[in-house]
């Protein structure tokens, strides 16, 4: 995780657990600029539900997070305010 991503996660209130779950269970879409956007869509939430069970209800407010990943490094994180445009 880059220093920028660490700083943005702290500023935007995205806990490290959510970032780890995004990387493991999130849906990845190419962003058109050489990186991938990782977010929770309905399928990703179902995969997470089958893995975490009842824990998902406690984290439901945090599941609007996204991460931008290039290669193996998380570049930035934030909270989605609108839909992800699919290229």
N, C-alpha and C. Protein backbone atom coordinates (compact mmCIF):
# COMPACT_ATOMS: atom_id res chain seq x y z
N UNK A 1 0.85 -1.17 0.00
CA UNK A 1 0.00 0.00 0.00
C UNK A 1 0.90 1.24 0.00
N UNK A 2 0.61 2.15 -0.89
CA UNK A 2 1.43 3.35 -1.01
C UNK A 2 1.17 4.30 0.17
N UNK A 3 2.09 5.23 0.36
CA UNK A 3 1.90 6.23 1.42
C UNK A 3 0.66 7.07 1.15
N UNK A 4 0.42 7.37 -0.12
CA UNK A 4 -0.77 8.14 -0.49
C UNK A 4 -2.04 7.39 -0.08
N UNK A 5 -2.08 6.09 -0.35
CA UNK A 5 -3.25 5.27 0.00
C UNK A 5 -3.44 5.21 1.51
N UNK A 6 -2.36 5.09 2.24
CA UNK A 6 -2.46 5.05 3.71
C UNK A 6 -3.03 6.35 4.24
N UNK A 7 -2.54 7.45 3.71
CA UNK A 7 -3.02 8.76 4.15
C UNK A 7 -4.49 8.96 3.79
N UNK A 8 -4.87 8.59 2.57
CA UNK A 8 -6.26 8.74 2.13
C UNK A 8 -7.20 7.83 2.91
N UNK A 9 -6.76 6.63 3.23
CA UNK A 9 -7.59 5.71 4.02
C UNK A 9 -7.88 6.31 5.39
N UNK A 10 -6.88 6.92 5.99
CA UNK A 10 -7.06 7.54 7.29
C UNK A 10 -7.98 8.76 7.18
N UNK A 11 -7.77 9.60 6.17
CA UNK A 11 -8.59 10.79 6.00
C UNK A 11 -10.04 10.45 5.69
N UNK A 12 -10.25 9.40 4.91
CA UNK A 12 -11.60 9.05 4.44
C UNK A 12 -12.29 8.00 5.30
N UNK A 13 -11.62 7.56 6.36
CA UNK A 13 -12.24 6.63 7.30
C UNK A 13 -12.46 5.23 6.76
N UNK A 14 -11.54 4.76 5.92
CA UNK A 14 -11.63 3.40 5.39
C UNK A 14 -10.65 2.53 6.18
N UNK A 15 -11.18 1.61 7.01
CA UNK A 15 -10.29 0.79 7.84
C UNK A 15 -9.50 -0.23 7.02
N UNK A 16 -8.35 -0.65 7.53
CA UNK A 16 -7.52 -1.64 6.83
C UNK A 16 -8.25 -2.96 6.56
N UNK A 17 -9.16 -3.36 7.43
CA UNK A 17 -9.93 -4.59 7.22
C UNK A 17 -10.74 -4.50 5.92
N UNK A 18 -11.35 -3.37 5.67
CA UNK A 18 -12.15 -3.19 4.46
C UNK A 18 -11.26 -3.24 3.22
N UNK A 19 -10.08 -2.66 3.30
CA UNK A 19 -9.15 -2.69 2.18
C UNK A 19 -8.73 -4.13 1.88
N UNK A 20 -8.44 -4.91 2.92
CA UNK A 20 -8.09 -6.31 2.74
C UNK A 20 -9.25 -7.10 2.12
N UNK A 21 -10.47 -6.84 2.60
CA UNK A 21 -11.63 -7.53 2.04
C UNK A 21 -11.88 -7.12 0.59
N UNK A 22 -11.64 -5.85 0.27
CA UNK A 22 -11.76 -5.39 -1.12
C UNK A 22 -10.81 -6.15 -2.03
N UNK A 23 -9.58 -6.27 -1.61
CA UNK A 23 -8.58 -6.94 -2.43
C UNK A 23 -8.92 -8.42 -2.59
N UNK A 24 -9.42 -9.03 -1.53
CA UNK A 24 -9.71 -10.46 -1.58
C UNK A 24 -11.02 -10.78 -2.29
N UNK A 25 -12.09 -10.01 -2.04
CA UNK A 25 -13.42 -10.36 -2.53
C UNK A 25 -14.00 -9.37 -3.54
N UNK A 26 -13.42 -8.20 -3.68
CA UNK A 26 -14.00 -7.17 -4.52
C UNK A 26 -13.94 -7.47 -6.01
N UNK A 27 -14.84 -6.83 -6.75
CA UNK A 27 -14.86 -6.91 -8.20
C UNK A 27 -13.86 -5.91 -8.75
N UNK A 28 -13.11 -6.32 -9.76
CA UNK A 28 -12.11 -5.43 -10.36
C UNK A 28 -12.52 -5.05 -11.76
N UNK A 29 -12.44 -3.77 -12.04
CA UNK A 29 -12.74 -3.23 -13.36
C UNK A 29 -11.57 -2.36 -13.80
N UNK A 30 -11.18 -2.48 -15.04
CA UNK A 30 -10.13 -1.65 -15.62
C UNK A 30 -10.63 -0.22 -15.69
N UNK A 31 -9.80 0.74 -15.29
CA UNK A 31 -10.25 2.14 -15.23
C UNK A 31 -9.93 2.94 -16.49
N UNK A 32 -9.25 2.35 -17.46
CA UNK A 32 -8.93 3.06 -18.69
C UNK A 32 -7.66 3.88 -18.61
N UNK A 33 -6.99 3.84 -17.48
CA UNK A 33 -5.76 4.61 -17.28
C UNK A 33 -4.59 3.74 -16.84
N UNK A 34 -4.75 2.44 -16.93
CA UNK A 34 -3.67 1.54 -16.57
C UNK A 34 -3.78 0.94 -15.18
N UNK A 35 -4.86 1.17 -14.49
CA UNK A 35 -5.05 0.62 -13.15
C UNK A 35 -6.42 -0.07 -13.10
N UNK A 36 -6.72 -0.66 -11.95
CA UNK A 36 -8.00 -1.32 -11.74
C UNK A 36 -8.70 -0.69 -10.55
N UNK A 37 -10.02 -0.58 -10.65
CA UNK A 37 -10.84 -0.13 -9.52
C UNK A 37 -11.43 -1.38 -8.89
N UNK A 38 -11.25 -1.51 -7.62
CA UNK A 38 -11.75 -2.67 -6.88
C UNK A 38 -12.88 -2.18 -5.96
N UNK A 39 -14.07 -2.77 -6.08
CA UNK A 39 -15.22 -2.32 -5.31
C UNK A 39 -16.13 -3.51 -5.03
N UNK A 40 -17.11 -3.30 -4.16
CA UNK A 40 -18.08 -4.33 -3.84
C UNK A 40 -19.34 -4.12 -4.67
N UNK A 41 -19.64 -5.06 -5.56
CA UNK A 41 -20.92 -5.06 -6.24
C UNK A 41 -21.76 -6.16 -5.59
N UNK A 42 -22.91 -6.48 -6.17
CA UNK A 42 -23.79 -7.47 -5.57
C UNK A 42 -23.13 -8.84 -5.46
N UNK A 43 -22.44 -9.26 -6.51
CA UNK A 43 -21.77 -10.57 -6.47
C UNK A 43 -20.66 -10.60 -5.42
N UNK A 44 -19.89 -9.53 -5.34
CA UNK A 44 -18.81 -9.47 -4.35
C UNK A 44 -19.37 -9.49 -2.93
N UNK A 45 -20.49 -8.81 -2.73
CA UNK A 45 -21.12 -8.82 -1.40
C UNK A 45 -21.62 -10.21 -1.05
N UNK A 46 -22.11 -10.95 -2.05
CA UNK A 46 -22.56 -12.33 -1.79
C UNK A 46 -21.38 -13.23 -1.45
N UNK A 47 -20.24 -13.06 -2.16
CA UNK A 47 -19.04 -13.83 -1.82
C UNK A 47 -18.59 -13.52 -0.40
N UNK A 48 -18.63 -12.24 -0.05
CA UNK A 48 -18.24 -11.82 1.29
C UNK A 48 -19.21 -12.37 2.33
N UNK A 49 -20.49 -12.37 2.02
CA UNK A 49 -21.51 -12.91 2.93
C UNK A 49 -21.26 -14.38 3.21
N UNK A 50 -20.93 -15.15 2.18
CA UNK A 50 -20.69 -16.57 2.38
C UNK A 50 -19.41 -16.81 3.19
N UNK A 51 -18.46 -15.90 3.10
CA UNK A 51 -17.20 -16.03 3.84
C UNK A 51 -17.36 -15.55 5.29
N UNK A 52 -17.97 -14.37 5.47
CA UNK A 52 -18.00 -13.72 6.77
C UNK A 52 -19.27 -13.98 7.56
N UNK A 53 -20.33 -14.41 6.91
CA UNK A 53 -21.58 -14.69 7.62
C UNK A 53 -22.19 -13.42 8.21
N UNK A 54 -22.48 -13.44 9.50
CA UNK A 54 -23.14 -12.33 10.17
C UNK A 54 -22.31 -11.08 10.30
N UNK A 55 -21.02 -11.19 10.10
CA UNK A 55 -20.14 -10.02 10.21
C UNK A 55 -20.48 -8.96 9.17
N UNK A 56 -21.01 -9.39 8.04
CA UNK A 56 -21.30 -8.47 6.95
C UNK A 56 -22.31 -7.40 7.37
N UNK A 57 -23.25 -7.73 8.23
CA UNK A 57 -24.25 -6.75 8.66
C UNK A 57 -23.60 -5.64 9.49
N UNK A 58 -22.55 -5.96 10.21
CA UNK A 58 -21.84 -4.94 10.99
C UNK A 58 -21.00 -4.03 10.11
N UNK A 59 -20.62 -4.51 8.95
CA UNK A 59 -19.75 -3.74 8.05
C UNK A 59 -20.50 -3.10 6.90
N UNK A 60 -21.82 -3.20 6.88
CA UNK A 60 -22.58 -2.75 5.71
C UNK A 60 -22.35 -1.28 5.38
N UNK A 61 -22.12 -0.44 6.36
CA UNK A 61 -21.87 0.98 6.10
C UNK A 61 -20.54 1.21 5.42
N UNK A 62 -19.59 0.30 5.59
CA UNK A 62 -18.25 0.46 5.04
C UNK A 62 -18.10 -0.13 3.64
N UNK A 63 -19.12 -0.81 3.14
CA UNK A 63 -18.98 -1.55 1.88
C UNK A 63 -19.12 -0.68 0.64
N UNK A 64 -19.23 0.63 0.79
CA UNK A 64 -19.24 1.54 -0.36
C UNK A 64 -17.82 2.01 -0.70
N UNK A 65 -16.84 1.37 -0.12
CA UNK A 65 -15.44 1.75 -0.35
C UNK A 65 -14.95 1.23 -1.69
N UNK A 66 -13.90 1.85 -2.18
CA UNK A 66 -13.22 1.38 -3.39
C UNK A 66 -11.74 1.54 -3.21
N UNK A 67 -10.98 0.82 -4.01
CA UNK A 67 -9.52 0.94 -4.00
C UNK A 67 -9.06 0.96 -5.45
N UNK A 68 -8.07 1.78 -5.74
CA UNK A 68 -7.46 1.81 -7.06
C UNK A 68 -6.13 1.07 -6.93
N UNK A 69 -5.98 0.04 -7.76
CA UNK A 69 -4.82 -0.85 -7.66
C UNK A 69 -4.07 -0.85 -8.98
N UNK A 70 -2.77 -0.69 -8.90
CA UNK A 70 -1.92 -0.78 -10.08
C UNK A 70 -0.85 -1.83 -9.79
N UNK A 71 -0.86 -2.90 -10.54
CA UNK A 71 0.07 -4.00 -10.28
C UNK A 71 -0.30 -4.66 -8.97
N UNK A 72 0.60 -4.62 -8.02
CA UNK A 72 0.36 -5.19 -6.70
C UNK A 72 0.21 -4.12 -5.62
N UNK A 73 0.17 -2.86 -6.02
CA UNK A 73 0.15 -1.76 -5.06
C UNK A 73 -1.20 -1.04 -5.06
N UNK A 74 -1.71 -0.77 -3.87
CA UNK A 74 -2.92 0.03 -3.72
C UNK A 74 -2.49 1.49 -3.83
N UNK A 75 -3.06 2.20 -4.81
CA UNK A 75 -2.67 3.58 -5.06
C UNK A 75 -3.47 4.54 -4.20
N UNK A 76 -4.79 4.35 -4.14
CA UNK A 76 -5.64 5.21 -3.32
C UNK A 76 -6.90 4.45 -2.94
N UNK A 77 -7.59 4.94 -1.93
CA UNK A 77 -8.85 4.37 -1.48
C UNK A 77 -9.83 5.50 -1.22
N UNK A 78 -11.09 5.17 -1.22
CA UNK A 78 -12.10 6.17 -0.94
C UNK A 78 -13.46 5.52 -0.79
N UNK A 79 -14.49 6.37 -0.75
CA UNK A 79 -15.87 5.92 -0.64
C UNK A 79 -16.60 6.30 -1.91
N UNK A 80 -17.30 5.33 -2.50
CA UNK A 80 -18.03 5.60 -3.75
C UNK A 80 -19.23 6.47 -3.45
N UNK A 81 -19.37 7.54 -4.21
CA UNK A 81 -20.53 8.41 -4.11
C UNK A 81 -21.45 8.24 -5.31
N UNK A 82 -20.94 7.59 -6.37
CA UNK A 82 -21.74 7.33 -7.56
C UNK A 82 -21.34 5.98 -8.12
N UNK A 83 -22.04 5.52 -9.13
CA UNK A 83 -21.77 4.23 -9.74
C UNK A 83 -20.41 4.20 -10.39
N UNK A 84 -19.84 3.01 -10.51
CA UNK A 84 -18.59 2.82 -11.23
C UNK A 84 -18.92 2.71 -12.70
N UNK A 85 -18.33 3.57 -13.53
CA UNK A 85 -18.54 3.51 -14.97
C UNK A 85 -17.74 2.34 -15.54
N UNK A 86 -18.42 1.45 -16.21
CA UNK A 86 -17.75 0.29 -16.78
C UNK A 86 -17.33 0.61 -18.20
N UNK A 87 -16.04 0.40 -18.47
CA UNK A 87 -15.46 0.73 -19.78
C UNK A 87 -15.72 -0.38 -20.77
